[in-house]
Amino acid sequence: MDPSRSIVDHLGRDERIRLDQSMTVARTIRLAAIVIAVSTALTSCGGGPVGRSARPKNSSVPTSTTSPPTTTTSMVPSTIPACTASQLNGQYRGSQGAAGNLVSSFWIANSAASPCALRSSVTVELLDSAGHTRTMSHAIDSPILLSAMGIIPPLGQNPAQGQMLASLIIGWPTVPNAVEALGGTGVQCPQPLLQAHMARITFDDAEPLIVENLTNSGPPPSGSIPPICGSDVYVWEISSLTAPEPP
């Protein structure tokens, strides 16, 4: 039983409203701290703002000499057609540990001669060499416009001015946190780890976009996508990605 519930029950209506507002602000501040930490890490390898409450994890944050790309929300005309897998390109941009989680970034571009939009939902499947999978889905609250002839820049670089890509962030707990959630202790996962070697990204239940290379050989954080312990995987965010405003 929550010991604070008996106290809340004796509060008046106005006091309850103020208490709810204070708790909401406190939760927002805690979440913002996580978002800032992970966003700082991922923007250097091509990510957007992310967050997930968990045990803090000390990790070195790589630095970048360029301004991070900007994630935006914009109105998309209904006349813009939905993107199809055949016109999309995807790239794994790297992973970073923060706040007890591992978060991985993908960028998506439209290679067709006309713009298109990502609507409705996104589903991500991570597959290992034996065909085992971890699947996660996320609703797309607002359509995401992808500009025509989009090009994913080299690792460590921002999108070209005027281009609109998509940033997809997925995540899962670190192995120690996953072990604890599964009722164990230490760093030995009680289940076989899943080491993904391919990602299938599906929008609006259409054909999947296949990303086969899940290794970042560019600027830090480099290396392969981290292994997964357990099945707690999630899409944190998918958003529009543009070049930073010129100074």
C-alpha atoms as a PDB file:
ATOM      1  CA  MET A   1       0.000   0.000   0.000  1.00  0.00           C
ATOM      2  CA  ASP A   2       1.251   3.480  -0.822  1.00  0.00           C
ATOM      3  CA  PRO A   3       1.784   5.242   2.561  1.00  0.00           C
ATOM      4  CA  SER A   4       1.119   8.646   0.974  1.00  0.00           C
ATOM      5  CA  ARG A   5      -2.410   7.627  -0.096  1.00  0.00           C
ATOM      6  CA  SER A   6      -3.908   8.126   3.386  1.00  0.00           C
ATOM      7  CA  ILE A   7      -2.448  11.639   3.461  1.00  0.00           C
ATOM      8  CA  VAL A   8      -3.807  12.482   0.023  1.00  0.00           C
ATOM      9  CA  ASP A   9      -7.260  11.276   1.058  1.00  0.00           C
ATOM     10  CA  HIS A  10      -7.429  14.020   3.704  1.00  0.00           C
ATOM     11  CA  LEU A  11      -6.476  16.833   1.336  1.00  0.00           C
ATOM     12  CA  GLY A  12      -9.018  19.273  -0.027  1.00  0.00           C
ATOM     13  CA  ARG A  13      -9.729  19.638  -3.755  1.00  0.00           C
ATOM     14  CA  ASP A  14      -7.409  22.645  -4.271  1.00  0.00           C
ATOM     15  CA  GLU A  15      -4.645  20.984  -2.273  1.00  0.00           C
ATOM     16  CA  ARG A  16      -4.943  17.820  -4.383  1.00  0.00           C
ATOM     17  CA  ILE A  17      -4.688  19.865  -7.576  1.00  0.00           C
ATOM     18  CA  ARG A  18      -1.544  21.604  -6.328  1.00  0.00           C
ATOM     19  CA  LEU A  19      -0.055  18.279  -5.228  1.00  0.00           C
ATOM     20  CA  ASP A  20      -0.782  16.703  -8.633  1.00  0.00           C
ATOM     21  CA  GLN A  21       0.799  19.677 -10.370  1.00  0.00           C
ATOM     22  CA  SER A  22       3.913  19.478  -8.179  1.00  0.00           C
ATOM     23  CA  MET A  23       4.282  15.742  -8.792  1.00  0.00           C
ATOM     24  CA  THR A  24       3.873  16.277 -12.532  1.00  0.00           C
ATOM     25  CA  VAL A  25       6.591  18.955 -12.544  1.00  0.00           C
ATOM     26  CA  ALA A  26       8.927  16.708 -10.545  1.00  0.00           C
ATOM     27  CA  ARG A  27       8.417  13.790 -12.936  1.00  0.00           C
ATOM     28  CA  THR A  28       8.985  16.112 -15.892  1.00  0.00           C
ATOM     29  CA  ILE A  29      12.264  17.379 -14.420  1.00  0.00           C
ATOM     30  CA  ARG A  30      13.522  13.842 -13.780  1.00  0.00           C
ATOM     31  CA  LEU A  31      12.592  12.736 -17.300  1.00  0.00           C
ATOM     32  CA  ALA A  32      14.164  15.849 -18.828  1.00  0.00           C
ATOM     33  CA  ALA A  33      17.478  15.051 -17.131  1.00  0.00           C
ATOM     34  CA  ILE A  34      17.491  11.596 -18.717  1.00  0.00           C
ATOM     35  CA  VAL A  35      16.458  12.992 -22.104  1.00  0.00           C
ATOM     36  CA  ILE A  36      19.265  15.564 -22.073  1.00  0.00           C
ATOM     37  CA  ALA A  37      21.898  12.978 -21.117  1.00  0.00           C
ATOM     38  CA  VAL A  38      20.943  10.511 -23.822  1.00  0.00           C
ATOM     39  CA  SER A  39      20.243  13.181 -26.448  1.00  0.00           C
ATOM     40  CA  THR A  40      23.716  14.642 -25.959  1.00  0.00           C
ATOM     41  CA  ALA A  41      25.242  11.218 -26.478  1.00  0.00           C
ATOM     42  CA  LEU A  42      23.226  10.269 -29.534  1.00  0.00           C
ATOM     43  CA  THR A  43      23.336  13.528 -31.463  1.00  0.00           C
ATOM     44  CA  SER A  44      27.050  12.973 -31.946  1.00  0.00           C
ATOM     45  CA  CYS A  45      26.304   9.673 -33.728  1.00  0.00           C
ATOM     46  CA  GLY A  46      23.102  10.796 -35.416  1.00  0.00           C
ATOM     47  CA  GLY A  47      20.216  10.499 -32.992  1.00  0.00           C
ATOM     48  CA  GLY A  48      17.454  12.533 -31.444  1.00  0.00           C
ATOM     49  CA  PRO A  49      16.104  13.165 -27.950  1.00  0.00           C
ATOM     50  CA  VAL A  50      15.368   9.993 -26.018  1.00  0.00           C
ATOM     51  CA  GLY A  51      14.846   8.874 -22.449  1.00  0.00           C
ATOM     52  CA  ARG A  52      13.752   5.999 -20.214  1.00  0.00           C
ATOM     53  CA  SER A  53      13.744   6.011 -16.419  1.00  0.00           C
ATOM     54  CA  ALA A  54      16.058   3.423 -14.882  1.00  0.00           C
ATOM     55  CA  ARG A  55      19.170   3.088 -12.735  1.00  0.00           C
ATOM     56  CA  PRO A  56      21.757   5.720 -13.683  1.00  0.00           C
ATOM     57  CA  LYS A  57      24.731   4.381 -15.591  1.00  0.00           C
ATOM     58  CA  ASN A  58      28.062   6.144 -15.732  1.00  0.00           C
ATOM     59  CA  SER A  59      29.304   6.374 -19.289  1.00  0.00           C
ATOM     60  CA  SER A  60      31.577   8.612 -21.279  1.00  0.00           C
ATOM     61  CA  VAL A  61      29.752  10.919 -23.657  1.00  0.00           C
ATOM     62  CA  PRO A  62      31.475  11.514 -26.995  1.00  0.00           C
ATOM     63  CA  THR A  63      31.790  15.070 -28.161  1.00  0.00           C
ATOM     64  CA  SER A  64      31.161  16.562 -31.569  1.00  0.00           C
ATOM     65  CA  THR A  65      32.567  19.620 -33.271  1.00  0.00           C
ATOM     66  CA  THR A  66      29.393  20.134 -35.302  1.00  0.00           C
ATOM     67  CA  SER A  67      25.966  21.259 -34.156  1.00  0.00           C
ATOM     68  CA  PRO A  68      23.562  18.347 -33.656  1.00  0.00           C
ATOM     69  CA  PRO A  69      20.744  17.813 -36.155  1.00  0.00           C
ATOM     70  CA  THR A  70      17.314  19.133 -35.261  1.00  0.00           C
ATOM     71  CA  THR A  71      14.250  16.985 -34.639  1.00  0.00           C
ATOM     72  CA  THR A  72      11.019  18.731 -35.575  1.00  0.00           C
ATOM     73  CA  THR A  73       7.268  18.244 -35.872  1.00  0.00           C
ATOM     74  CA  SER A  74       5.524  19.760 -38.895  1.00  0.00           C
ATOM     75  CA  MET A  75       2.156  19.641 -40.636  1.00  0.00           C
ATOM     76  CA  VAL A  76       2.115  17.305 -43.643  1.00  0.00           C
ATOM     77  CA  PRO A  77      -0.526  17.798 -46.376  1.00  0.00           C
ATOM     78  CA  SER A  78      -2.819  14.809 -46.844  1.00  0.00           C
ATOM     79  CA  THR A  79      -1.946  14.853 -50.564  1.00  0.00           C
ATOM     80  CA  ILE A  80       1.594  13.650 -49.771  1.00  0.00           C
ATOM     81  CA  PRO A  81       1.582   9.864 -50.367  1.00  0.00           C
ATOM     82  CA  ALA A  82       2.744   7.362 -47.790  1.00  0.00           C
ATOM     83  CA  CYS A  83       6.325   6.158 -48.164  1.00  0.00           C
ATOM     84  CA  THR A  84       6.922   2.648 -49.470  1.00  0.00           C
ATOM     85  CA  ALA A  85       9.822   0.387 -48.526  1.00  0.00           C
ATOM     86  CA  SER A  86      11.210   0.461 -52.070  1.00  0.00           C
ATOM     87  CA  GLN A  87      11.893   4.203 -51.847  1.00  0.00           C
ATOM     88  CA  LEU A  88      13.407   4.223 -48.351  1.00  0.00           C
ATOM     89  CA  ASN A  89      17.000   3.887 -47.244  1.00  0.00           C
ATOM     90  CA  GLY A  90      17.955   3.201 -43.647  1.00  0.00           C
ATOM     91  CA  GLN A  91      21.216   3.286 -41.728  1.00  0.00           C
ATOM     92  CA  TYR A  92      22.262   2.285 -38.222  1.00  0.00           C
ATOM     93  CA  ARG A  93      24.006   5.301 -36.681  1.00  0.00           C
ATOM     94  CA  GLY A  94      25.314   3.885 -33.404  1.00  0.00           C
ATOM     95  CA  SER A  95      24.353   3.107 -29.813  1.00  0.00           C
ATOM     96  CA  GLN A  96      24.978   4.660 -26.433  1.00  0.00           C
ATOM     97  CA  GLY A  97      24.430   3.633 -22.827  1.00  0.00           C
ATOM     98  CA  ALA A  98      22.691   6.123 -20.554  1.00  0.00           C
ATOM     99  CA  ALA A  99      20.440   6.033 -17.472  1.00  0.00           C
ATOM    100  CA  GLY A 100      20.559   2.236 -17.263  1.00  0.00           C
ATOM    101  CA  ASN A 101      19.464   1.708 -20.836  1.00  0.00           C
ATOM    102  CA  LEU A 102      21.045   1.074 -24.218  1.00  0.00           C
ATOM    103  CA  VAL A 103      19.663   3.235 -27.006  1.00  0.00           C
ATOM    104  CA  SER A 104      20.307   2.808 -30.723  1.00  0.00           C
ATOM    105  CA  SER A 105      19.762   5.289 -33.528  1.00  0.00           C
ATOM    106  CA  PHE A 106      18.656   4.788 -37.136  1.00  0.00           C
ATOM    107  CA  TRP A 107      18.275   7.412 -39.849  1.00  0.00           C
ATOM    108  CA  ILE A 108      15.806   6.981 -42.701  1.00  0.00           C
ATOM    109  CA  ALA A 109      15.734   8.816 -46.043  1.00  0.00           C
ATOM    110  CA  ASN A 110      13.452   8.904 -49.088  1.00  0.00           C
ATOM    111  CA  SER A 111      15.374   8.235 -52.312  1.00  0.00           C
ATOM    112  CA  ALA A 112      12.405   8.832 -54.648  1.00  0.00           C
ATOM    113  CA  ALA A 113      11.950  11.891 -56.856  1.00  0.00           C
ATOM    114  CA  SER A 114       8.879  13.037 -54.890  1.00  0.00           C
ATOM    115  CA  PRO A 115       8.389  13.605 -51.163  1.00  0.00           C
ATOM    116  CA  CYS A 116       6.526  11.064 -49.063  1.00  0.00           C
ATOM    117  CA  ALA A 117       5.288  10.750 -45.491  1.00  0.00           C
ATOM    118  CA  LEU A 118       5.574   8.212 -42.691  1.00  0.00           C
ATOM    119  CA  ARG A 119       2.180   7.771 -41.064  1.00  0.00           C
ATOM    120  CA  SER A 120       0.260   5.608 -38.599  1.00  0.00           C
ATOM    121  CA  SER A 121       2.870   3.366 -36.960  1.00  0.00           C
ATOM    122  CA  VAL A 122       6.344   1.842 -37.069  1.00  0.00           C
ATOM    123  CA  THR A 123       7.365  -1.701 -36.132  1.00  0.00           C
ATOM    124  CA  VAL A 124      10.990  -2.705 -35.651  1.00  0.00           C
ATOM    125  CA  GLU A 125      12.204  -6.302 -35.637  1.00  0.00           C
ATOM    126  CA  LEU A 126      15.766  -7.114 -34.608  1.00  0.00           C
ATOM    127  CA  LEU A 127      16.960 -10.521 -35.834  1.00  0.00           C
ATOM    128  CA  ASP A 128      20.000 -12.571 -34.916  1.00  0.00           C
ATOM    129  CA  SER A 129      21.789 -15.045 -37.184  1.00  0.00           C
ATOM    130  CA  ALA A 130      19.556 -17.908 -35.997  1.00  0.00           C
ATOM    131  CA  GLY A 131      16.333 -16.062 -36.772  1.00  0.00           C
ATOM    132  CA  HIS A 132      15.420 -15.157 -33.182  1.00  0.00           C
ATOM    133  CA  THR A 133      13.709 -11.796 -32.941  1.00  0.00           C
ATOM    134  CA  ARG A 134      12.798  -8.937 -30.650  1.00  0.00           C
ATOM    135  CA  THR A 135       9.880  -6.834 -31.872  1.00  0.00           C
ATOM    136  CA  MET A 136       8.718  -3.383 -30.857  1.00  0.00           C
ATOM    137  CA  SER A 137       6.045  -1.018 -32.215  1.00  0.00           C
ATOM    138  CA  HIS A 138       5.181   2.642 -31.794  1.00  0.00           C
ATOM    139  CA  ALA A 139       2.378   4.896 -33.023  1.00  0.00           C
ATOM    140  CA  ILE A 140       3.374   7.879 -35.176  1.00  0.00           C
ATOM    141  CA  ASP A 141       1.393  10.724 -33.627  1.00  0.00           C
ATOM    142  CA  SER A 142       2.008  13.189 -36.456  1.00  0.00           C
ATOM    143  CA  PRO A 143       2.990  12.349 -40.063  1.00  0.00           C
ATOM    144  CA  ILE A 144       6.697  12.744 -40.777  1.00  0.00           C
ATOM    145  CA  LEU A 145       7.600  14.350 -44.105  1.00  0.00           C
ATOM    146  CA  LEU A 146      10.625  12.988 -45.976  1.00  0.00           C
ATOM    147  CA  SER A 147      12.014  15.224 -48.701  1.00  0.00           C
ATOM    148  CA  ALA A 148      12.664  13.926 -52.210  1.00  0.00           C
ATOM    149  CA  MET A 149      16.089  12.560 -53.183  1.00  0.00           C
ATOM    150  CA  GLY A 150      17.126  12.274 -49.585  1.00  0.00           C
ATOM    151  CA  ILE A 151      20.692  11.245 -48.812  1.00  0.00           C
ATOM    152  CA  ILE A 152      21.874   9.860 -45.484  1.00  0.00           C
ATOM    153  CA  PRO A 153      25.183  11.635 -44.772  1.00  0.00           C
ATOM    154  CA  PRO A 154      28.344   9.857 -43.615  1.00  0.00           C
ATOM    155  CA  LEU A 155      28.556   8.938 -39.946  1.00  0.00           C
ATOM    156  CA  GLY A 156      29.332  11.950 -37.797  1.00  0.00           C
ATOM    157  CA  GLN A 157      27.771  14.430 -40.243  1.00  0.00           C
ATOM    158  CA  ASN A 158      24.400  16.191 -40.271  1.00  0.00           C
ATOM    159  CA  PRO A 159      21.781  16.103 -43.049  1.00  0.00           C
ATOM    160  CA  ALA A 160      22.301  18.546 -45.895  1.00  0.00           C
ATOM    161  CA  GLN A 161      20.511  21.876 -45.681  1.00  0.00           C
ATOM    162  CA  GLY A 162      16.937  21.603 -46.932  1.00  0.00           C
ATOM    163  CA  GLN A 163      16.706  17.825 -46.562  1.00  0.00           C
ATOM    164  CA  MET A 164      14.232  16.164 -44.234  1.00  0.00           C
ATOM    165  CA  LEU A 165      15.021  12.682 -42.952  1.00  0.00           C
ATOM    166  CA  ALA A 166      13.581  10.626 -40.097  1.00  0.00           C
ATOM    167  CA  SER A 167      15.281   9.711 -36.833  1.00  0.00           C
ATOM    168  CA  LEU A 168      14.272   6.418 -35.190  1.00  0.00           C
ATOM    169  CA  ILE A 169      15.386   5.647 -31.628  1.00  0.00           C
ATOM    170  CA  ILE A 170      14.989   2.192 -30.051  1.00  0.00           C
ATOM    171  CA  GLY A 171      16.206   0.903 -26.709  1.00  0.00           C
ATOM    172  CA  TRP A 172      16.354  -1.781 -24.029  1.00  0.00           C
ATOM    173  CA  PRO A 173      17.806  -2.157 -20.499  1.00  0.00           C
ATOM    174  CA  THR A 174      21.485  -2.799 -19.931  1.00  0.00           C
ATOM    175  CA  VAL A 175      22.294  -6.415 -19.061  1.00  0.00           C
ATOM    176  CA  PRO A 176      22.529  -5.781 -15.266  1.00  0.00           C
ATOM    177  CA  ASN A 177      19.176  -3.975 -15.280  1.00  0.00           C
ATOM    178  CA  ALA A 178      17.575  -6.683 -17.426  1.00  0.00           C
ATOM    179  CA  VAL A 179      18.940  -9.407 -15.114  1.00  0.00           C
ATOM    180  CA  GLU A 180      17.427  -7.621 -12.123  1.00  0.00           C
ATOM    181  CA  ALA A 181      14.071  -7.256 -13.895  1.00  0.00           C
ATOM    182  CA  LEU A 182      14.132 -10.992 -14.622  1.00  0.00           C
ATOM    183  CA  GLY A 183      14.620 -11.738 -10.931  1.00  0.00           C
ATOM    184  CA  GLY A 184      18.341 -12.457 -11.019  1.00  0.00           C
ATOM    185  CA  THR A 185      21.509 -10.815  -9.773  1.00  0.00           C
ATOM    186  CA  GLY A 186      24.878  -9.989 -11.300  1.00  0.00           C
ATOM    187  CA  VAL A 187      25.655  -9.551 -14.971  1.00  0.00           C
ATOM    188  CA  GLN A 188      24.934 -13.035 -16.333  1.00  0.00           C
ATOM    189  CA  CYS A 189      21.694 -12.981 -18.317  1.00  0.00           C
ATOM    190  CA  PRO A 190      19.498 -15.982 -17.372  1.00  0.00           C
ATOM    191  CA  GLN A 191      18.309 -16.155 -20.980  1.00  0.00           C
ATOM    192  CA  PRO A 192      20.347 -16.385 -24.186  1.00  0.00           C
ATOM    193  CA  LEU A 193      21.468 -12.939 -25.315  1.00  0.00           C
ATOM    194  CA  LEU A 194      20.157 -11.767 -28.671  1.00  0.00           C
ATOM    195  CA  GLN A 195      22.899 -10.251 -30.819  1.00  0.00           C
ATOM    196  CA  ALA A 196      21.016  -8.594 -33.673  1.00  0.00           C
ATOM    197  CA  HIS A 197      22.608  -8.626 -37.110  1.00  0.00           C
ATOM    198  CA  MET A 198      19.678  -7.217 -39.100  1.00  0.00           C
ATOM    199  CA  ALA A 199      16.747  -4.857 -38.562  1.00  0.00           C
ATOM    200  CA  ARG A 200      13.383  -4.924 -40.321  1.00  0.00           C
ATOM    201  CA  ILE A 201      11.573  -1.577 -40.083  1.00  0.00           C
ATOM    202  CA  THR A 202       7.946  -1.547 -41.204  1.00  0.00           C
ATOM    203  CA  PHE A 203       5.673   1.454 -41.608  1.00  0.00           C
ATOM    204  CA  ASP A 204       1.889   1.225 -41.864  1.00  0.00           C
ATOM    205  CA  ASP A 205       1.965  -2.593 -42.206  1.00  0.00           C
ATOM    206  CA  ALA A 206       3.676  -2.306 -45.604  1.00  0.00           C
ATOM    207  CA  GLU A 207       6.754  -4.148 -46.855  1.00  0.00           C
ATOM    208  CA  PRO A 208       9.696  -3.842 -44.437  1.00  0.00           C
ATOM    209  CA  LEU A 209      12.779  -1.709 -44.904  1.00  0.00           C
ATOM    210  CA  ILE A 210      15.811  -3.956 -44.310  1.00  0.00           C
ATOM    211  CA  VAL A 211      18.912  -2.613 -42.564  1.00  0.00           C
ATOM    212  CA  GLU A 212      21.569  -5.330 -42.745  1.00  0.00           C
ATOM    213  CA  ASN A 213      24.615  -3.564 -41.325  1.00  0.00           C
ATOM    214  CA  LEU A 214      24.229  -3.007 -37.574  1.00  0.00           C
ATOM    215  CA  THR A 215      27.836  -1.993 -37.027  1.00  0.00           C
ATOM    216  CA  ASN A 216      29.026   1.600 -36.835  1.00  0.00           C
ATOM    217  CA  SER A 217      32.582   1.817 -38.094  1.00  0.00           C
ATOM    218  CA  GLY A 218      32.657   5.619 -38.043  1.00  0.00           C
ATOM    219  CA  PRO A 219      33.193   8.119 -35.224  1.00  0.00           C
ATOM    220  CA  PRO A 220      32.508   7.037 -31.605  1.00  0.00           C
ATOM    221  CA  PRO A 221      30.394   5.440 -30.310  1.00  0.00           C
ATOM    222  CA  SER A 222      31.477   2.791 -32.799  1.00  0.00           C
ATOM    223  CA  GLY A 223      30.954  -0.962 -32.817  1.00  0.00           C
ATOM    224  CA  SER A 224      28.052  -3.357 -33.235  1.00  0.00           C
ATOM    225  CA  ILE A 225      24.565  -2.867 -31.843  1.00  0.00           C
ATOM    226  CA  PRO A 226      24.603  -4.035 -28.179  1.00  0.00           C
ATOM    227  CA  PRO A 227      23.208  -7.463 -27.206  1.00  0.00           C
ATOM    228  CA  ILE A 228      19.756  -7.745 -25.665  1.00  0.00           C
ATOM    229  CA  CYS A 229      18.960  -9.594 -22.439  1.00  0.00           C
ATOM    230  CA  GLY A 230      15.278 -10.434 -22.090  1.00  0.00           C
ATOM    231  CA  SER A 231      12.406  -9.086 -24.161  1.00  0.00           C
ATOM    232  CA  ASP A 232      11.905  -5.536 -22.823  1.00  0.00           C
ATOM    233  CA  VAL A 233      12.563  -3.599 -26.031  1.00  0.00           C
ATOM    234  CA  TYR A 234      10.858  -0.412 -27.145  1.00  0.00           C
ATOM    235  CA  VAL A 235      10.681   2.328 -29.727  1.00  0.00           C
ATOM    236  CA  TRP A 236      11.305   5.528 -27.838  1.00  0.00           C
ATOM    237  CA  GLU A 237      10.763   8.033 -30.610  1.00  0.00           C
ATOM    238  CA  ILE A 238      10.499   8.566 -34.329  1.00  0.00           C
ATOM    239  CA  SER A 239      10.700  12.148 -35.543  1.00  0.00           C
ATOM    240  CA  SER A 240      11.618  14.418 -38.420  1.00  0.00           C
ATOM    241  CA  LEU A 241      15.316  15.195 -38.731  1.00  0.00           C
ATOM    242  CA  THR A 242      16.783  18.283 -40.412  1.00  0.00           C
ATOM    243  CA  ALA A 243      20.076  20.139 -40.541  1.00  0.00           C
ATOM    244  CA  PRO A 244      20.738  22.622 -37.702  1.00  0.00           C
ATOM    245  CA  GLU A 245      19.973  26.250 -38.393  1.00  0.00           C
ATOM    246  CA  PRO A 246      23.017  28.078 -39.811  1.00  0.00           C
ATOM    247  CA  PRO A 247      24.633  30.500 -37.364  1.00  0.00           C
END
